[in-house]
Protein backbone atom coordinates (compact mmCIF):
# COMPACT_ATOMS: atom_id res chain seq x y z
CA MET A 1 128.22 21.69 216.53
CA LYS A 2 125.73 19.70 218.45
CA ASN A 3 124.68 20.33 221.92
CA ASN A 4 122.58 18.22 224.26
CA PHE A 5 106.39 32.17 220.85
CA SER A 6 103.79 33.13 220.56
CA LEU A 7 105.32 36.12 218.61
CA PHE A 8 103.92 39.64 217.22
CA LEU A 9 105.22 39.98 213.60
CA ALA A 10 102.44 40.24 210.94
CA GLY A 11 101.83 44.04 211.51
CA CYS A 12 100.08 44.60 215.08
CA SER A 13 98.46 41.15 214.72
CA MET A 14 99.73 37.63 216.25
CA LEU A 15 101.16 35.33 214.43
CA VAL A 16 101.23 31.96 216.40
CA LEU A 17 103.90 29.59 214.92
CA SER A 18 103.11 25.93 215.96
CA GLY A 19 104.93 22.62 215.35
CA CYS A 20 103.08 20.07 213.24
CA GLY A 21 103.27 16.67 211.10
CA ALA A 22 104.20 13.30 212.30
CA SER A 23 107.58 11.94 213.08
CA ASP A 24 109.44 11.23 210.00
CA ILE A 25 110.13 8.03 208.52
CA ALA A 26 113.42 6.40 207.22
CA SER A 27 113.75 4.48 204.27
CA THR A 28 116.43 2.01 203.26
CA GLY A 29 117.69 0.52 200.06
CA SER A 30 117.71 1.49 196.67
CA GLY A 31 116.02 0.11 193.26
CA ASN A 32 112.31 0.35 192.05
CA VAL A 33 110.26 1.76 195.08
CA THR A 34 106.50 2.89 194.75
CA ILE A 35 105.08 5.12 197.52
CA ASN A 36 101.07 6.05 197.10
CA ASN A 37 100.94 8.37 200.10
CA GLY A 38 98.67 10.87 201.45
CA SER A 39 98.58 14.75 202.25
CA GLY A 40 102.43 15.95 201.72
CA GLY A 41 101.60 18.93 204.32
CA SER A 42 102.65 21.40 201.98
CA SER A 43 103.04 24.96 203.09
CA GLY A 44 102.82 27.81 200.52
CA GLY A 45 103.76 27.49 196.93
CA GLY A 46 104.38 24.21 195.22
CA SER A 47 103.25 20.58 194.95
CA SER A 48 101.85 19.22 198.06
CA GLY A 49 102.70 15.57 197.52
CA GLY A 50 99.17 14.00 197.02
CA SER A 51 98.50 10.54 196.40
CA GLY A 52 101.40 9.32 193.99
CA GLY A 53 101.39 9.47 190.49
CA GLY A 54 102.51 13.17 189.68
CA THR A 55 103.58 14.49 186.33
CA VAL A 56 107.26 13.52 186.18
CA THR A 57 108.27 10.82 183.76
CA ALA A 58 111.64 8.88 184.60
CA ALA A 59 114.64 9.71 181.57
CA ALA A 60 115.33 6.71 179.59
CA GLY A 61 118.74 6.48 181.28
CA CYS A 62 121.75 8.01 182.67
CA PRO A 63 123.69 10.45 180.63
CA THR A 64 127.28 9.98 179.81
CA ILE A 65 129.76 11.94 182.13
CA SER A 66 133.75 12.96 181.74
CA ASP A 67 134.61 10.79 184.31
CA PRO A 68 135.56 7.14 183.06
CA GLN A 69 133.86 5.65 185.91
CA GLY A 70 130.46 6.67 184.31
CA LEU A 71 127.22 6.81 186.53
CA SER A 72 125.32 3.77 187.57
CA ASP A 73 121.54 3.30 186.59
CA GLN A 74 119.89 2.31 189.70
CA GLY A 75 116.43 2.03 187.99
CA THR A 76 113.76 4.35 189.26
CA ILE A 77 112.03 5.94 192.22
CA THR A 78 108.50 6.73 192.58
CA GLY A 79 107.14 9.37 194.74
CA PRO A 80 104.36 12.12 195.05
CA THR A 81 105.44 13.78 191.73
CA GLY A 82 106.29 11.12 189.51
CA THR A 83 108.83 8.49 188.50
CA TRP A 84 112.25 9.51 188.41
CA ARG A 85 115.61 7.47 186.68
CA VAL A 86 118.29 7.33 189.72
CA CYS A 87 121.65 7.65 188.46
CA ARG A 88 124.23 6.94 191.51
CA LEU A 89 127.49 8.81 191.35
CA PRO A 90 130.91 7.21 191.64
CA ALA A 91 132.46 6.99 195.25
CA THR A 92 135.49 9.15 194.03
CA ILE A 93 135.15 11.72 190.83
CA ARG A 94 138.67 11.60 189.53
CA THR A 95 137.88 13.89 186.12
CA SER A 96 136.18 17.12 185.83
CA THR A 97 132.76 16.43 185.33
CA THR A 98 129.28 18.21 184.66
CA LEU A 99 126.22 16.95 185.86
CA PRO A 100 123.51 17.81 183.25
CA LYS A 101 119.93 19.00 183.98
CA VAL A 102 117.66 16.25 182.45
CA ALA A 103 113.86 16.05 182.77
CA GLY A 104 112.79 13.00 185.22
CA LEU A 105 116.46 12.39 186.32
CA LEU A 106 117.83 12.32 189.88
CA TYR A 107 121.77 12.00 191.19
CA GLU A 108 122.23 9.63 194.02
CA ILE A 109 124.98 10.36 196.44
CA SER A 110 125.82 6.84 197.76
CA ASP A 111 127.69 6.77 201.20
CA ARG A 112 130.34 9.32 200.65
CA VAL A 113 131.14 10.73 197.13
CA ASN A 114 134.52 12.50 197.02
CA VAL A 115 135.31 15.49 194.35
CA GLY A 116 138.67 14.47 193.56
CA CYS A 117 141.35 13.06 195.83
CA ASP A 118 142.71 15.32 199.03
CA GLY A 119 145.94 16.92 197.89
CA GLY A 120 147.39 17.61 201.22
CA PHE A 121 148.45 20.70 203.26
CA THR A 122 150.15 22.25 200.31
CA ALA A 123 149.90 21.42 196.58
CA PRO A 124 151.94 18.39 195.87
CA THR A 125 155.01 18.83 193.66
CA VAL A 126 156.92 16.04 191.67
CA GLY A 127 159.77 16.51 194.05
CA ALA A 128 157.77 15.92 196.87
CA PRO A 129 155.07 13.10 196.04
CA TYR A 130 151.64 13.26 198.61
CA THR A 131 150.15 10.12 199.36
CA SER A 132 146.40 10.96 199.67
CA THR A 133 144.14 9.83 202.44
CA THR A 134 141.08 10.10 200.29
CA ALA A 135 139.96 6.10 200.19
CA GLY A 136 140.87 4.62 196.85
CA CYS A 137 143.12 7.45 196.22
CA THR A 138 146.55 4.87 196.63
CA THR A 139 148.70 6.52 193.75
CA PRO A 140 150.93 8.97 195.22
CA LEU A 141 150.18 12.26 193.76
CA THR A 142 152.55 14.67 192.03
CA ALA A 143 150.30 17.25 191.78
CA ASP A 144 146.48 18.53 192.66
CA THR A 145 143.89 16.36 191.04
CA ASN A 146 142.15 19.69 190.01
CA VAL A 147 138.88 18.11 189.73
CA THR A 148 135.75 20.62 189.48
CA LEU A 149 132.40 18.87 189.86
CA THR A 150 129.73 20.96 187.76
CA ILE A 151 126.14 21.23 188.70
CA GLN A 152 123.75 22.65 186.03
CA PRO A 153 120.75 24.71 187.14
CA GLY A 154 117.94 22.51 188.51
CA VAL A 155 119.82 19.39 188.66
CA ILE A 156 118.29 17.57 192.07
CA LEU A 157 121.10 15.49 194.05
CA PHE A 158 120.07 13.05 197.13
CA GLY A 159 121.33 11.15 199.77
CA GLY A 160 120.86 7.58 199.34
CA THR A 161 121.69 6.81 203.04
CA GLY A 162 121.86 8.29 206.09
CA GLN A 163 125.67 8.03 205.68
CA SER A 164 125.59 9.75 202.52
CA TRP A 165 127.76 12.83 202.16
CA LEU A 166 129.34 15.06 199.47
CA MET A 167 133.23 15.83 200.18
CA VAL A 168 135.20 18.44 198.07
CA ASN A 169 138.54 17.48 198.96
CA ARG A 170 141.73 19.83 198.78
CA GLY A 171 142.92 20.59 195.69
CA ASN A 172 139.56 20.41 194.05
CA ARG A 173 136.47 22.45 193.50
CA ILE A 174 132.86 22.38 193.13
CA ASN A 175 130.89 24.82 190.50
CA ALA A 176 127.36 24.38 191.62
CA VAL A 177 125.40 27.57 189.93
CA GLY A 178 121.49 27.52 189.58
CA ASN A 179 119.63 30.48 189.51
CA GLN A 180 116.50 32.28 190.88
CA THR A 181 113.67 29.78 189.15
CA GLN A 182 116.30 26.56 188.96
CA PRO A 183 118.10 26.07 192.22
CA ILE A 184 119.98 23.37 192.87
CA ILE A 185 118.87 21.11 195.54
CA PHE A 186 120.45 18.69 197.80
CA THR A 187 118.10 16.45 199.59
CA SER A 188 117.34 13.09 201.22
CA ARG A 189 115.50 9.73 199.66
CA ASP A 190 112.83 10.48 202.09
CA ASN A 191 112.07 13.78 200.28
CA ILE A 192 111.72 11.88 196.93
CA LEU A 193 109.63 9.55 198.48
CA GLY A 194 106.87 12.09 199.72
CA LEU A 195 107.88 10.76 203.29
CA SER A 196 109.54 14.24 204.57
CA ASP A 197 107.43 16.70 206.11
CA ASP A 198 108.19 19.86 208.82
CA THR A 199 109.54 17.48 211.66
CA SER A 200 111.88 15.76 209.12
CA GLN A 201 115.51 16.24 209.63
CA GLY A 202 118.93 14.27 209.58
CA GLN A 203 118.15 11.94 206.50
CA TRP A 204 121.79 12.24 205.20
CA GLY A 205 124.93 13.82 205.72
CA GLY A 206 125.39 17.52 203.60
CA VAL A 207 128.05 18.81 201.86
CA VAL A 208 131.54 19.80 202.93
CA LEU A 209 134.29 22.10 201.19
CA ALA A 210 137.68 21.28 202.29
CA GLY A 211 140.61 23.71 201.77
CA ARG A 212 143.92 24.97 202.97
CA GLY A 213 143.30 28.28 204.71
CA ARG A 214 144.50 28.70 208.14
CA ILE A 215 142.52 26.83 211.02
CA THR A 216 143.31 26.59 214.63
CA ASP A 217 142.36 23.63 217.16
CA CYS A 218 144.88 21.25 215.80
CA ARG A 219 144.47 17.40 215.51
CA PHE A 220 147.67 17.28 213.52
CA GLY A 221 150.60 19.72 213.30
CA SER A 222 150.58 23.26 215.66
CA VAL A 223 149.82 26.70 215.07
CA VAL A 224 153.22 27.33 216.03
CA SER A 225 155.29 25.89 213.26
CA ASN A 226 152.19 27.03 210.91
CA THR A 227 151.15 23.22 210.29
CA CYS A 228 147.85 23.19 211.49
CA GLU A 229 145.24 20.63 210.17
CA ARG A 230 142.19 18.88 211.15
CA ASP A 231 139.76 16.22 209.77
CA THR A 232 135.96 16.28 209.15
CA GLU A 233 133.97 15.86 212.56
CA GLY A 234 133.05 11.92 212.87
CA ALA A 235 134.34 10.94 209.48
CA ALA A 236 135.38 7.24 209.28
CA ASN A 237 138.22 8.20 206.85
CA PRO A 238 140.02 11.63 207.32
CA GLY A 239 138.52 14.35 205.41
CA ILE A 240 141.41 16.40 206.39
CA TYR A 241 141.35 20.25 205.93
CA GLY A 242 144.04 23.54 206.82
CA GLY A 243 147.06 24.89 205.02
CA THR A 244 148.46 28.44 204.90
CA ASP A 245 146.40 29.69 201.91
CA ASP A 246 143.62 32.26 203.19
CA THR A 247 142.98 33.19 199.39
CA TYR A 248 141.87 29.29 198.72
CA ASN A 249 139.62 28.59 196.15
CA ALA A 250 137.14 25.51 196.60
CA GLY A 251 134.63 26.71 194.06
CA THR A 252 131.22 28.47 193.96
CA MET A 253 128.01 27.72 195.22
CA ARG A 254 124.76 29.76 194.46
CA TYR A 255 121.26 29.08 194.25
CA ILE A 256 121.42 25.88 196.47
CA GLN A 257 118.84 24.14 198.82
CA ILE A 258 119.89 21.47 201.29
CA ARG A 259 117.65 19.90 202.92
CA TYR A 260 117.03 17.40 205.69
CA SER A 261 120.70 16.94 206.46
CA GLY A 262 122.94 16.57 209.28
CA PHE A 263 122.84 12.79 209.82
CA ASN A 264 125.34 11.35 212.50
CA LEU A 265 128.94 10.08 210.96
CA SER A 266 129.53 9.14 214.09
CA PRO A 267 128.42 9.38 218.40
CA ASN A 268 128.19 13.14 219.11
CA ALA A 269 129.66 14.19 215.67
CA GLU A 270 127.42 15.24 212.92
CA LEU A 271 127.21 16.77 209.70
CA GLN A 272 125.18 19.93 208.96
CA GLY A 273 123.57 21.40 205.58
CA LEU A 274 126.52 23.02 204.83
CA THR A 275 130.34 22.45 206.62
CA THR A 276 133.00 24.70 205.11
CA GLU A 277 136.60 23.57 206.40
CA GLY A 278 139.70 25.89 205.58
CA ILE A 279 138.34 27.73 202.38
CA GLY A 280 139.42 30.69 201.52
CA SER A 281 138.35 34.58 200.17
CA GLY A 282 138.32 32.87 196.49
CA THR A 283 135.67 30.43 197.19
CA THR A 284 132.08 31.85 196.31
CA LEU A 285 129.11 31.19 198.51
CA GLU A 286 125.64 33.10 197.62
CA TYR A 287 122.02 32.21 197.83
CA ILE A 288 122.25 29.15 199.99
CA GLN A 289 119.47 27.55 202.32
CA SER A 290 119.76 24.87 204.80
CA HIS A 291 116.24 23.41 205.75
CA ASN A 292 115.68 21.21 208.63
CA SER A 293 119.46 20.11 209.34
CA SER A 294 119.57 18.19 212.53
CA ASP A 295 122.68 19.84 213.92
CA ASP A 296 123.73 23.35 212.50
CA GLY A 297 122.21 25.16 209.55
CA ALA A 298 125.45 25.59 208.22
CA GLU A 299 129.29 25.32 210.26
CA PHE A 300 132.23 27.17 209.32
CA PHE A 301 135.48 25.62 210.49
CA GLY A 302 138.46 28.28 209.85
CA GLY A 303 139.74 29.91 207.21
CA VAL A 304 138.22 33.17 205.27
CA VAL A 305 134.70 32.99 204.36
CA ASN A 306 132.77 35.70 202.49
CA MET A 307 129.14 34.66 202.30
CA LYS A 308 125.92 36.52 201.14
CA TYR A 309 122.22 36.17 201.15
CA TYR A 310 121.98 33.07 203.53
CA VAL A 311 118.78 31.33 204.70
CA ALA A 312 118.32 28.64 207.59
CA THR A 313 115.27 27.45 208.29
CA GLY A 314 114.40 24.62 211.00
CA ALA A 315 117.81 24.01 212.32
CA ASP A 316 118.04 21.64 215.30
CA ASP A 317 121.37 23.32 216.72
CA ASP A 318 122.35 26.61 215.67
CA SER A 319 121.71 28.22 212.70
CA LEU A 320 124.86 29.70 212.25
CA ASP A 321 128.06 28.21 213.77
CA VAL A 322 131.57 29.82 213.48
CA ASP A 323 134.98 28.59 214.95
CA VAL A 324 138.48 27.02 214.83
CA GLY A 325 140.00 30.42 213.84
CA ALA A 326 137.32 31.42 210.91
CA ARG A 327 137.45 34.67 209.92
CA MET A 328 133.97 35.28 208.20
CA ASP A 329 131.72 38.35 206.85
CA LEU A 330 128.00 37.56 206.24
CA GLN A 331 125.75 40.12 204.45
CA TYR A 332 121.83 39.32 204.42
CA ALA A 333 120.84 36.35 206.50
CA LEU A 334 117.21 35.01 207.38
CA LEU A 335 117.83 32.87 210.44
CA VAL A 336 114.50 31.14 211.51
CA GLN A 337 114.19 28.16 214.27
CA ARG A 338 111.33 25.77 214.21
CA PRO A 339 108.98 26.49 217.44
CA GLY A 340 110.36 23.99 220.24
CA LEU A 341 113.37 23.14 218.78
CA GLY A 342 116.72 24.42 218.00
CA ASP A 343 119.35 25.91 220.45
CA GLY A 344 121.19 29.24 219.73
CA LEU A 345 120.87 31.24 216.43
CA TRP A 346 124.49 31.60 216.32
CA GLU A 347 127.57 30.25 218.10
CA ILE A 348 131.33 31.29 217.75
CA ASP A 349 133.64 30.36 219.69
CA SER A 350 137.30 28.67 219.33
CA ASN A 351 137.07 27.52 222.80
CA GLY A 352 139.57 25.60 224.99
CA ASN A 353 142.34 26.94 222.46
CA GLU A 354 142.23 30.81 223.36
CA GLY A 355 146.10 30.90 222.67
CA ASP A 356 145.65 29.55 219.26
CA THR A 357 145.86 32.47 216.37
CA PRO A 358 144.23 33.49 214.03
CA ARG A 359 141.16 34.28 216.27
CA THR A 360 138.04 33.54 215.48
CA GLN A 361 136.14 36.62 213.90
CA LEU A 362 132.78 37.13 212.74
CA ARG A 363 130.83 40.05 211.22
CA VAL A 364 127.07 40.08 210.25
CA ALA A 365 125.07 42.85 208.60
CA ASN A 366 121.64 42.90 207.71
CA MET A 367 120.14 39.64 209.57
CA VAL A 368 116.74 38.86 211.26
CA ALA A 369 117.46 36.17 213.53
CA ILE A 370 113.74 34.66 214.96
CA GLN A 371 113.74 32.24 217.75
CA PRO A 372 110.50 30.87 218.88
CA GLN A 373 111.65 28.95 221.79
CA THR A 374 113.98 29.09 224.98
CA SER A 375 117.38 27.29 224.50
CA SER A 376 118.67 24.55 226.21
CA ASN A 377 119.58 25.50 229.60
CA ASN A 378 122.67 22.92 229.46
CA GLU A 379 126.19 24.92 230.25
CA ALA A 380 127.29 23.52 227.02
CA SER A 381 124.43 25.07 225.13
CA ALA A 382 123.89 28.18 224.13
CA ARG A 383 121.44 29.25 226.46
CA ALA A 384 120.62 32.26 224.60
CA SER A 385 119.95 33.56 221.19
CA ILE A 386 123.24 34.76 220.32
CA PHE A 387 126.39 32.60 222.00
CA THR A 388 130.09 34.09 221.86
CA ARG A 389 132.60 32.55 223.50
CA GLY A 390 136.29 31.50 223.39
CA ASN A 391 139.11 32.91 221.38
CA SER A 392 136.39 35.23 219.39
CA ASP A 393 135.63 38.36 218.25
CA SER A 394 132.00 39.07 216.96
CA THR A 395 130.24 42.11 215.25
CA LEU A 396 126.76 42.86 214.61
CA LEU A 397 125.23 45.39 212.37
CA ASN A 398 122.01 46.84 211.19
CA SER A 399 120.53 43.56 212.11
CA ILE A 400 117.25 42.29 213.97
CA ILE A 401 116.67 39.55 216.99
CA ILE A 402 113.45 38.02 217.65
CA SER A 403 113.75 36.20 220.84
CA PRO A 404 111.22 36.72 223.27
CA ASN A 405 110.90 33.77 225.06
CA ASN A 406 114.78 33.55 225.64
CA GLU A 407 117.71 35.73 226.81
CA CYS A 408 119.31 37.25 223.60
CA LEU A 409 123.17 37.51 224.46
CA ARG A 410 125.37 35.41 226.35
CA VAL A 411 128.92 36.23 226.14
CA ASN A 412 131.60 33.56 227.97
CA GLY A 413 134.82 34.97 229.04
CA SER A 414 137.76 32.70 229.13
CA GLY A 415 141.39 33.13 228.68
CA THR A 416 143.79 36.16 228.67
CA ALA A 417 141.98 37.77 225.66
CA PRO A 418 138.32 36.68 226.39
CA ALA A 419 135.46 37.00 223.43
CA THR A 420 134.17 40.27 222.51
CA PHE A 421 130.94 41.56 221.16
CA THR A 422 130.28 44.57 219.18
CA ALA A 423 126.88 45.83 218.06
CA ARG A 424 125.76 48.83 215.60
CA SER A 425 122.33 49.54 214.94
CA VAL A 426 120.95 46.20 216.11
CA VAL A 427 117.68 46.07 218.07
CA MET A 428 116.04 43.28 219.86
CA GLN A 429 112.95 41.54 221.29
CA CYS A 430 114.06 39.19 224.36
CA ASN A 431 112.84 38.07 227.69
CA ALA A 432 112.92 39.99 230.80
CA THR A 433 116.62 38.76 231.41
CA LYS A 434 117.78 39.50 228.10
CA TYR A 435 121.69 38.87 229.02
CA LEU A 436 123.79 36.29 230.11
CA GLY A 437 127.49 36.65 231.45
CA THR A 438 129.52 33.20 232.38
CA GLY A 439 132.94 32.45 232.80
CA THR A 440 134.87 35.68 233.94
CA TYR A 441 132.19 37.58 232.27
CA THR A 442 129.17 39.07 234.61
CA ALA A 443 125.33 39.74 232.82
CA ALA A 444 125.96 43.39 233.71
CA GLN A 445 129.29 43.47 231.10
CA VAL A 446 127.47 41.77 228.76
CA GLN A 447 124.80 44.32 228.94
CA ALA A 448 127.30 46.64 228.64
CA PHE A 449 128.95 45.25 225.28
CA PHE A 450 125.47 45.78 223.60
CA GLY A 451 124.92 49.22 225.17
CA SER A 452 121.28 49.60 224.53
CA GLY A 453 120.32 53.21 223.85
CA ALA A 454 123.89 53.95 221.87
CA ASN A 455 125.12 53.10 218.50
CA ASN A 456 120.97 52.97 217.37
CA ASN A 457 121.22 49.70 219.74
CA ASN A 458 117.90 48.71 221.45
CA ASP A 459 117.45 46.03 223.63
CA ALA A 460 113.33 46.66 224.07
CA PHE A 461 112.12 46.62 220.70
CA THR A 462 108.56 46.46 219.81
CA PRO A 463 108.91 44.52 216.25
CA THR A 464 106.19 45.55 213.32
CA LEU A 465 107.81 43.01 210.99
CA THR A 466 105.35 41.48 208.47
CA SER A 467 105.00 38.48 206.76
CA LEU A 468 107.24 37.28 209.22
CA PHE A 469 110.60 39.13 208.39
CA ILE A 470 110.01 42.04 206.29
CA ASN A 471 110.52 45.36 207.93
CA GLY A 472 107.54 47.34 209.17
CA ALA A 473 107.42 51.09 210.52
CA ASN A 474 109.52 50.38 213.45
CA GLU A 475 112.31 48.75 211.65
CA ASP A 476 112.62 51.21 208.93
CA GLY A 477 112.64 53.62 211.72
CA VAL A 478 116.07 52.84 212.75
CA ALA A 479 119.04 54.89 211.57
CA ALA A 480 121.15 52.47 209.71
CA PHE A 481 125.21 51.72 210.52
CA ASP A 482 127.42 53.05 207.47
CA LEU A 483 128.93 49.71 206.59
CA THR A 484 131.86 51.50 204.59
CA THR A 485 133.04 52.63 207.89
CA VAL A 486 134.04 48.99 209.24
CA SER A 487 137.55 48.54 209.73
CA PRO A 488 139.47 46.23 208.93
CA ALA A 489 137.04 47.48 205.23
CA SER A 490 135.20 44.51 203.90
CA THR A 491 134.49 44.00 199.96
CA LEU A 492 131.72 42.05 201.18
CA LEU A 493 129.60 44.43 203.47
CA THR A 494 127.96 47.42 201.39
CA ASN A 495 125.49 49.72 201.90
CA PRO A 496 121.94 48.95 200.28
CA SER A 497 120.31 51.91 198.86
CA PRO A 498 118.46 52.90 200.83
CA ASN A 499 120.40 51.95 203.79
CA ARG A 500 118.34 49.81 206.44
CA ILE A 501 118.44 47.28 209.26
CA GLY A 502 117.21 44.13 208.56
CA ALA A 503 117.19 41.65 205.77
CA ALA A 504 114.05 42.59 203.78
CA TRP A 505 112.12 45.69 203.34
CA SER A 506 110.16 47.57 200.64
CA GLY A 507 112.04 47.10 197.40
CA ASN A 508 114.32 44.68 199.02
CA THR A 509 112.40 41.36 199.14
CA ASN A 510 113.07 39.79 195.70
CA TRP A 511 116.63 38.12 196.98
CA TYR A 512 114.88 35.20 198.86
CA THR A 513 112.31 34.37 196.78
CA GLY A 514 111.88 31.58 193.82
CA TRP A 515 115.00 29.67 194.89
CA THR A 516 114.08 28.58 198.31
CA CYS A 517 111.76 26.68 199.56
CA ASN A 518 108.52 26.99 201.73
CA SER A 519 107.85 25.28 205.20
CA THR A 520 105.65 25.88 208.06
CA THR A 521 108.36 27.19 209.29
CA ALA A 522 109.13 30.29 206.67
CA ASN A 523 107.06 30.96 203.67
CA PHE A 524 108.67 32.85 200.95
CA GLY A 525 106.17 33.47 198.56
CA SER A 526 104.47 31.69 195.86
CA ALA A 527 107.18 31.66 193.60
CA SER A 528 108.90 29.41 195.65
CA THR A 529 108.08 25.60 196.13
CA ALA A 530 107.36 23.31 199.04
CA CYS A 531 110.24 22.21 200.97
CA ASN A 532 108.37 18.56 201.36
CA SER A 533 108.19 18.14 197.23
CA LEU A 534 110.10 18.27 194.50
CA PRO A 535 110.39 20.65 191.49
CA THR A 536 108.83 19.15 188.33
CA SER A 537 109.98 21.28 185.55
């Protein structure tokens, strides 16, 4: 949720990260647009933009899809990579539909696009019809609409306006499965036109998955009566989530880029790259990159979340945000913020409703988190790289925090059972203060939570990372915690071979290559293309 370094990494040499690029330029409208722009400011692999023309030739027309509303042909759009056919999605997808990969074709998300009609707290039945809150869904439902949106590898979708976002409603699913060489890309219109650079953000909404998992901080119902529901932050038309099914399956997202997201839906309420809302353990989330979100890289509201291989680059608020009763396991994460921008690397809470259950719980293993700058010192902001508060329990395992200009850990105490923090085989590079205690906690108590010198934890670590986030000798020399001993046991958190701290080391550098995009914030190698351009094949 939005709140108002020189870094020693490449062996023993200094890699200075610096901001660059001009202010982003907003584009409006749709149809035939030609832009002949200059340098695209590319970093790493992929096209740099150039002077227009490109290699892409627009598809002849829009394909036929299963939904009878069909796709609306919006003509063509031209940018540095060439000319593309634009096919606009219907406002509500009412029938299970596949978006095929077609050369020279882009799919437009215009304003809010719904996948199915919201099916309610529990699946509607013949005897208890449910009138959906989804706009345009006026016929009472007697069953879930069970719409699945399937997106083929290599498909590119873009937000046509700043208010564009994709909402997968309760009772429906997404099946967006790319692969390592053909990721699925969600991006902005400006990115298509070649107007996005390393400072661009907030050019469209993002992707939202709603489910029927248990949540807290109710806006409708109550946790006491087991009827708790909430609606999507800032949405003019309710995007409601919550229920009692912690195994809920919202679908599969794998090998995904979400670029330049996070536009305001209403004052002080923004979407982020990926937002999950009460999803359950049946949902699959793997290999997901959020790039330059103007809010959080991803935020997880309630439910049960299992996620593996998460990359957040350039988030303007928190790279990872978990709250309202979410119980989340995450393994393999690279969180890298832009110099001079961003708040905390993570925020976890259920603040203000400390008596609600389930408690928010986050367990993260094999993370590298890099914050060049100092967090905002406002009380409502993180004020440290890792911020834990409210009715929550955080466990960090086999991980590396590089935050030389900021406090590393802040824990805020509130309520009768305040937040807890546990670390095992965690190393940190912090400023001289290192710890912040607020609320009922003192800095000394937070320092004791971390316990440097015990459990292979070290708050005075000297990093030897190479290529920004790959283990060097010092990282490989830290004894890793045995993930099979976590309690309660996890089906997601498993020991790599060999067991290491961090997210990448010799023999384990392939998982993030090819499907990610490069910027000056982080370069994932020549197999990955540039974030400010589009793949042309």
